[in-house]
Amino acid sequence: MNDKIAPAERAERASLLQFPTAFPVKVMGARHDDFAQAMLAIVMKHAPDFDAATLEMRPSKNGNYLSVTATVNATSQQQLDDLYRELTAHPMVKVAL
């Protein structure tokens, strides 16, 4: 997310979620053999208790893209921010929601 958010705004945004909570993270990128495994590695780094067997994958209609959804047990806003920062910095990722 944006590191230049005012502390009051950051606190307000953080209070929208109550932790811990099940939080779905969806990542989309070009269909590549290593995409799902690379995204799983990032998710596991930030949410070590994530069950890899629950990772959901869905190809696009034409098969050019793949979406991966991981529902993590989020324990803090900082954890989610760090996860999104690393996901969006990855060269294979087009969008992270």
N, C-alpha and C. Protein backbone atom coordinates (compact mmCIF):
# COMPACT_ATOMS: atom_id res chain seq x y z
N MET A 1 0.84 -1.17 0.00
CA MET A 1 0.00 0.00 0.00
C MET A 1 0.89 1.24 0.00
N ASN A 2 0.33 2.39 0.23
CA ASN A 2 1.09 3.63 0.17
C ASN A 2 1.72 3.95 1.53
N ASP A 3 3.05 4.12 1.56
CA ASP A 3 3.75 4.41 2.81
C ASP A 3 3.55 5.86 3.26
N LYS A 4 2.97 6.72 2.43
CA LYS A 4 2.83 8.14 2.75
C LYS A 4 1.43 8.46 3.28
N ILE A 5 0.75 7.49 3.82
CA ILE A 5 -0.57 7.70 4.40
C ILE A 5 -0.40 8.33 5.78
N ALA A 6 -1.19 9.35 6.05
CA ALA A 6 -1.14 10.02 7.36
C ALA A 6 -1.51 9.03 8.45
N PRO A 7 -0.88 9.14 9.64
CA PRO A 7 -1.15 8.20 10.73
C PRO A 7 -2.64 8.09 11.09
N ALA A 8 -3.37 9.20 11.08
CA ALA A 8 -4.80 9.15 11.42
C ALA A 8 -5.58 8.35 10.38
N GLU A 9 -5.25 8.56 9.11
CA GLU A 9 -5.92 7.82 8.03
C GLU A 9 -5.56 6.34 8.10
N ARG A 10 -4.30 6.04 8.40
CA ARG A 10 -3.86 4.65 8.52
C ARG A 10 -4.61 3.96 9.65
N ALA A 11 -4.77 4.62 10.78
CA ALA A 11 -5.49 4.03 11.92
C ALA A 11 -6.95 3.80 11.56
N GLU A 12 -7.55 4.75 10.84
CA GLU A 12 -8.96 4.59 10.44
C GLU A 12 -9.10 3.40 9.51
N ARG A 13 -8.20 3.30 8.52
CA ARG A 13 -8.26 2.19 7.58
C ARG A 13 -8.05 0.86 8.31
N ALA A 14 -7.10 0.81 9.21
CA ALA A 14 -6.80 -0.42 9.93
C ALA A 14 -7.98 -0.87 10.78
N SER A 15 -8.77 0.07 11.26
CA SER A 15 -9.88 -0.29 12.14
C SER A 15 -11.07 -0.88 11.38
N LEU A 16 -11.05 -0.85 10.06
CA LEU A 16 -12.14 -1.42 9.28
C LEU A 16 -12.20 -2.93 9.40
N LEU A 17 -11.10 -3.55 9.66
CA LEU A 17 -11.04 -5.00 9.84
C LEU A 17 -10.76 -5.33 11.29
N GLN A 18 -11.34 -6.42 11.75
CA GLN A 18 -11.04 -6.90 13.10
C GLN A 18 -10.22 -8.17 12.95
N PHE A 19 -9.10 -8.19 13.59
CA PHE A 19 -8.15 -9.31 13.46
C PHE A 19 -8.22 -10.21 14.68
N PRO A 20 -7.98 -11.49 14.51
CA PRO A 20 -7.70 -12.20 13.27
C PRO A 20 -8.97 -12.36 12.43
N THR A 21 -8.76 -12.51 11.13
CA THR A 21 -9.88 -12.69 10.20
C THR A 21 -9.43 -13.49 8.98
N ALA A 22 -10.36 -14.25 8.42
CA ALA A 22 -10.09 -14.95 7.17
C ALA A 22 -10.18 -13.90 6.06
N PHE A 23 -9.11 -13.74 5.30
CA PHE A 23 -9.03 -12.67 4.30
C PHE A 23 -8.60 -13.26 2.95
N PRO A 24 -9.48 -13.20 1.94
CA PRO A 24 -9.10 -13.73 0.62
C PRO A 24 -8.19 -12.77 -0.14
N VAL A 25 -7.12 -13.29 -0.67
CA VAL A 25 -6.18 -12.52 -1.48
C VAL A 25 -6.19 -13.14 -2.87
N LYS A 26 -6.54 -12.34 -3.87
CA LYS A 26 -6.59 -12.84 -5.25
C LYS A 26 -5.46 -12.18 -6.03
N VAL A 27 -4.71 -13.01 -6.76
CA VAL A 27 -3.58 -12.54 -7.55
C VAL A 27 -3.78 -13.05 -8.97
N MET A 28 -3.56 -12.16 -9.95
CA MET A 28 -3.70 -12.54 -11.35
C MET A 28 -2.42 -12.24 -12.11
N GLY A 29 -2.10 -13.15 -13.02
CA GLY A 29 -0.92 -12.96 -13.84
C GLY A 29 -1.00 -13.81 -15.09
N ALA A 30 -0.05 -13.61 -15.98
CA ALA A 30 0.01 -14.42 -17.19
C ALA A 30 0.18 -15.88 -16.80
N ARG A 31 -0.46 -16.75 -17.55
CA ARG A 31 -0.37 -18.18 -17.24
C ARG A 31 1.06 -18.65 -17.50
N HIS A 32 1.68 -19.13 -16.46
CA HIS A 32 3.08 -19.56 -16.50
C HIS A 32 3.20 -20.76 -15.58
N ASP A 33 4.05 -21.70 -15.93
CA ASP A 33 4.18 -22.93 -15.14
C ASP A 33 4.50 -22.68 -13.68
N ASP A 34 5.28 -21.64 -13.38
CA ASP A 34 5.72 -21.38 -12.02
C ASP A 34 4.89 -20.34 -11.27
N PHE A 35 3.84 -19.80 -11.90
CA PHE A 35 3.09 -18.70 -11.30
C PHE A 35 2.47 -19.10 -9.95
N ALA A 36 1.70 -20.17 -9.94
CA ALA A 36 1.01 -20.57 -8.70
C ALA A 36 2.01 -20.88 -7.59
N GLN A 37 3.09 -21.57 -7.92
CA GLN A 37 4.09 -21.92 -6.91
C GLN A 37 4.79 -20.67 -6.36
N ALA A 38 5.06 -19.72 -7.23
CA ALA A 38 5.71 -18.47 -6.79
C ALA A 38 4.78 -17.68 -5.87
N MET A 39 3.50 -17.63 -6.20
CA MET A 39 2.54 -16.90 -5.36
C MET A 39 2.36 -17.61 -4.02
N LEU A 40 2.33 -18.94 -4.06
CA LEU A 40 2.21 -19.72 -2.82
C LEU A 40 3.40 -19.46 -1.90
N ALA A 41 4.58 -19.38 -2.46
CA ALA A 41 5.78 -19.12 -1.65
C ALA A 41 5.68 -17.77 -0.94
N ILE A 42 5.17 -16.75 -1.64
CA ILE A 42 5.02 -15.43 -1.04
C ILE A 42 3.96 -15.46 0.06
N VAL A 43 2.84 -16.11 -0.22
CA VAL A 43 1.76 -16.21 0.78
C VAL A 43 2.28 -16.92 2.03
N MET A 44 2.99 -18.02 1.85
CA MET A 44 3.49 -18.80 2.98
C MET A 44 4.50 -18.00 3.81
N LYS A 45 5.25 -17.12 3.17
CA LYS A 45 6.21 -16.27 3.88
C LYS A 45 5.49 -15.35 4.87
N HIS A 46 4.34 -14.83 4.45
CA HIS A 46 3.61 -13.86 5.28
C HIS A 46 2.51 -14.49 6.12
N ALA A 47 2.07 -15.68 5.74
CA ALA A 47 1.03 -16.39 6.48
C ALA A 47 1.43 -17.86 6.57
N PRO A 48 2.39 -18.17 7.45
CA PRO A 48 2.95 -19.52 7.51
C PRO A 48 1.92 -20.61 7.84
N ASP A 49 0.79 -20.23 8.40
CA ASP A 49 -0.23 -21.22 8.74
C ASP A 49 -1.20 -21.49 7.59
N PHE A 50 -0.97 -20.87 6.42
CA PHE A 50 -1.84 -21.08 5.27
C PHE A 50 -1.75 -22.52 4.81
N ASP A 51 -2.90 -23.13 4.52
CA ASP A 51 -2.96 -24.51 4.04
C ASP A 51 -2.90 -24.48 2.51
N ALA A 52 -1.79 -24.91 1.95
CA ALA A 52 -1.58 -24.87 0.50
C ALA A 52 -2.65 -25.64 -0.27
N ALA A 53 -3.24 -26.64 0.35
CA ALA A 53 -4.29 -27.44 -0.31
C ALA A 53 -5.55 -26.62 -0.58
N THR A 54 -5.70 -25.46 0.09
CA THR A 54 -6.89 -24.63 -0.11
C THR A 54 -6.69 -23.55 -1.16
N LEU A 55 -5.51 -23.50 -1.77
CA LEU A 55 -5.23 -22.52 -2.82
C LEU A 55 -6.17 -22.78 -4.00
N GLU A 56 -6.88 -21.75 -4.42
CA GLU A 56 -7.81 -21.88 -5.55
C GLU A 56 -7.17 -21.28 -6.79
N MET A 57 -7.27 -22.00 -7.92
CA MET A 57 -6.72 -21.52 -9.17
C MET A 57 -7.80 -21.55 -10.24
N ARG A 58 -7.81 -20.50 -11.08
CA ARG A 58 -8.80 -20.43 -12.14
C ARG A 58 -8.16 -19.79 -13.36
N PRO A 59 -8.14 -20.52 -14.49
CA PRO A 59 -7.61 -19.92 -15.72
C PRO A 59 -8.64 -18.96 -16.34
N SER A 60 -8.14 -18.01 -17.13
CA SER A 60 -9.04 -17.10 -17.84
C SER A 60 -9.76 -17.87 -18.95
N LYS A 61 -10.75 -17.24 -19.53
CA LYS A 61 -11.56 -17.88 -20.57
C LYS A 61 -10.71 -18.43 -21.71
N ASN A 62 -9.73 -17.65 -22.14
CA ASN A 62 -8.87 -18.07 -23.25
C ASN A 62 -7.61 -18.79 -22.78
N GLY A 63 -7.44 -18.92 -21.47
CA GLY A 63 -6.30 -19.65 -20.94
C GLY A 63 -4.99 -18.87 -20.92
N ASN A 64 -5.04 -17.56 -21.17
CA ASN A 64 -3.82 -16.77 -21.19
C ASN A 64 -3.39 -16.30 -19.80
N TYR A 65 -4.33 -16.23 -18.88
CA TYR A 65 -4.06 -15.73 -17.52
C TYR A 65 -4.53 -16.74 -16.49
N LEU A 66 -3.99 -16.59 -15.29
CA LEU A 66 -4.37 -17.47 -14.19
C LEU A 66 -4.62 -16.61 -12.97
N SER A 67 -5.73 -16.89 -12.27
CA SER A 67 -5.96 -16.22 -10.99
C SER A 67 -5.77 -17.24 -9.89
N VAL A 68 -5.16 -16.78 -8.82
CA VAL A 68 -4.88 -17.62 -7.66
C VAL A 68 -5.49 -16.91 -6.45
N THR A 69 -6.32 -17.64 -5.69
CA THR A 69 -6.92 -17.06 -4.49
C THR A 69 -6.46 -17.85 -3.28
N ALA A 70 -5.93 -17.12 -2.30
CA ALA A 70 -5.49 -17.71 -1.03
C ALA A 70 -6.24 -16.99 0.09
N THR A 71 -7.01 -17.73 0.85
CA THR A 71 -7.70 -17.14 1.99
C THR A 71 -6.81 -17.35 3.21
N VAL A 72 -6.19 -16.27 3.65
CA VAL A 72 -5.22 -16.34 4.75
C VAL A 72 -5.88 -15.96 6.07
N ASN A 73 -5.30 -16.43 7.14
CA ASN A 73 -5.72 -16.02 8.47
C ASN A 73 -4.92 -14.76 8.81
N ALA A 74 -5.52 -13.61 8.48
CA ALA A 74 -4.82 -12.34 8.69
C ALA A 74 -4.83 -11.96 10.16
N THR A 75 -3.66 -11.61 10.67
CA THR A 75 -3.54 -11.26 12.09
C THR A 75 -3.35 -9.77 12.32
N SER A 76 -3.03 -9.02 11.24
CA SER A 76 -2.84 -7.56 11.39
C SER A 76 -2.89 -6.88 10.03
N GLN A 77 -3.13 -5.58 10.06
CA GLN A 77 -3.10 -4.79 8.83
C GLN A 77 -1.68 -4.78 8.26
N GLN A 78 -0.69 -4.72 9.13
CA GLN A 78 0.71 -4.73 8.69
C GLN A 78 1.03 -6.00 7.92
N GLN A 79 0.53 -7.14 8.39
CA GLN A 79 0.75 -8.41 7.70
C GLN A 79 0.17 -8.34 6.28
N LEU A 80 -1.06 -7.84 6.14
CA LEU A 80 -1.69 -7.74 4.83
C LEU A 80 -0.95 -6.75 3.93
N ASP A 81 -0.54 -5.61 4.49
CA ASP A 81 0.21 -4.62 3.71
C ASP A 81 1.51 -5.21 3.18
N ASP A 82 2.23 -5.92 4.02
CA ASP A 82 3.50 -6.53 3.61
C ASP A 82 3.27 -7.59 2.53
N LEU A 83 2.22 -8.38 2.69
CA LEU A 83 1.88 -9.41 1.70
C LEU A 83 1.57 -8.77 0.35
N TYR A 84 0.71 -7.75 0.35
CA TYR A 84 0.36 -7.08 -0.90
C TYR A 84 1.57 -6.39 -1.54
N ARG A 85 2.43 -5.79 -0.74
CA ARG A 85 3.63 -5.15 -1.29
C ARG A 85 4.50 -6.17 -2.03
N GLU A 86 4.71 -7.31 -1.41
CA GLU A 86 5.57 -8.31 -2.05
C GLU A 86 4.91 -8.91 -3.28
N LEU A 87 3.61 -9.16 -3.20
CA LEU A 87 2.91 -9.72 -4.36
C LEU A 87 2.95 -8.76 -5.55
N THR A 88 2.62 -7.50 -5.31
CA THR A 88 2.57 -6.55 -6.43
C THR A 88 3.96 -6.22 -6.98
N ALA A 89 5.00 -6.46 -6.22
CA ALA A 89 6.37 -6.22 -6.70
C ALA A 89 6.88 -7.38 -7.56
N HIS A 90 6.19 -8.51 -7.51
CA HIS A 90 6.65 -9.69 -8.26
C HIS A 90 6.43 -9.46 -9.77
N PRO A 91 7.42 -9.78 -10.59
CA PRO A 91 7.30 -9.50 -12.03
C PRO A 91 6.19 -10.27 -12.76
N MET A 92 5.75 -11.41 -12.22
CA MET A 92 4.69 -12.17 -12.88
C MET A 92 3.30 -11.66 -12.57
N VAL A 93 3.17 -10.83 -11.54
CA VAL A 93 1.85 -10.38 -11.09
C VAL A 93 1.36 -9.18 -11.90
N LYS A 94 0.14 -9.31 -12.42
CA LYS A 94 -0.51 -8.20 -13.13
C LYS A 94 -1.39 -7.41 -12.18
N VAL A 95 -2.14 -8.12 -11.30
CA VAL A 95 -3.08 -7.49 -10.37
C VAL A 95 -3.14 -8.31 -9.10
N ALA A 96 -3.22 -7.62 -7.95
CA ALA A 96 -3.46 -8.29 -6.67
C ALA A 96 -4.64 -7.58 -6.01
N LEU A 97 -5.64 -8.34 -5.63
CA LEU A 97 -6.85 -7.79 -5.00
C LEU A 97 -7.01 -8.37 -3.62
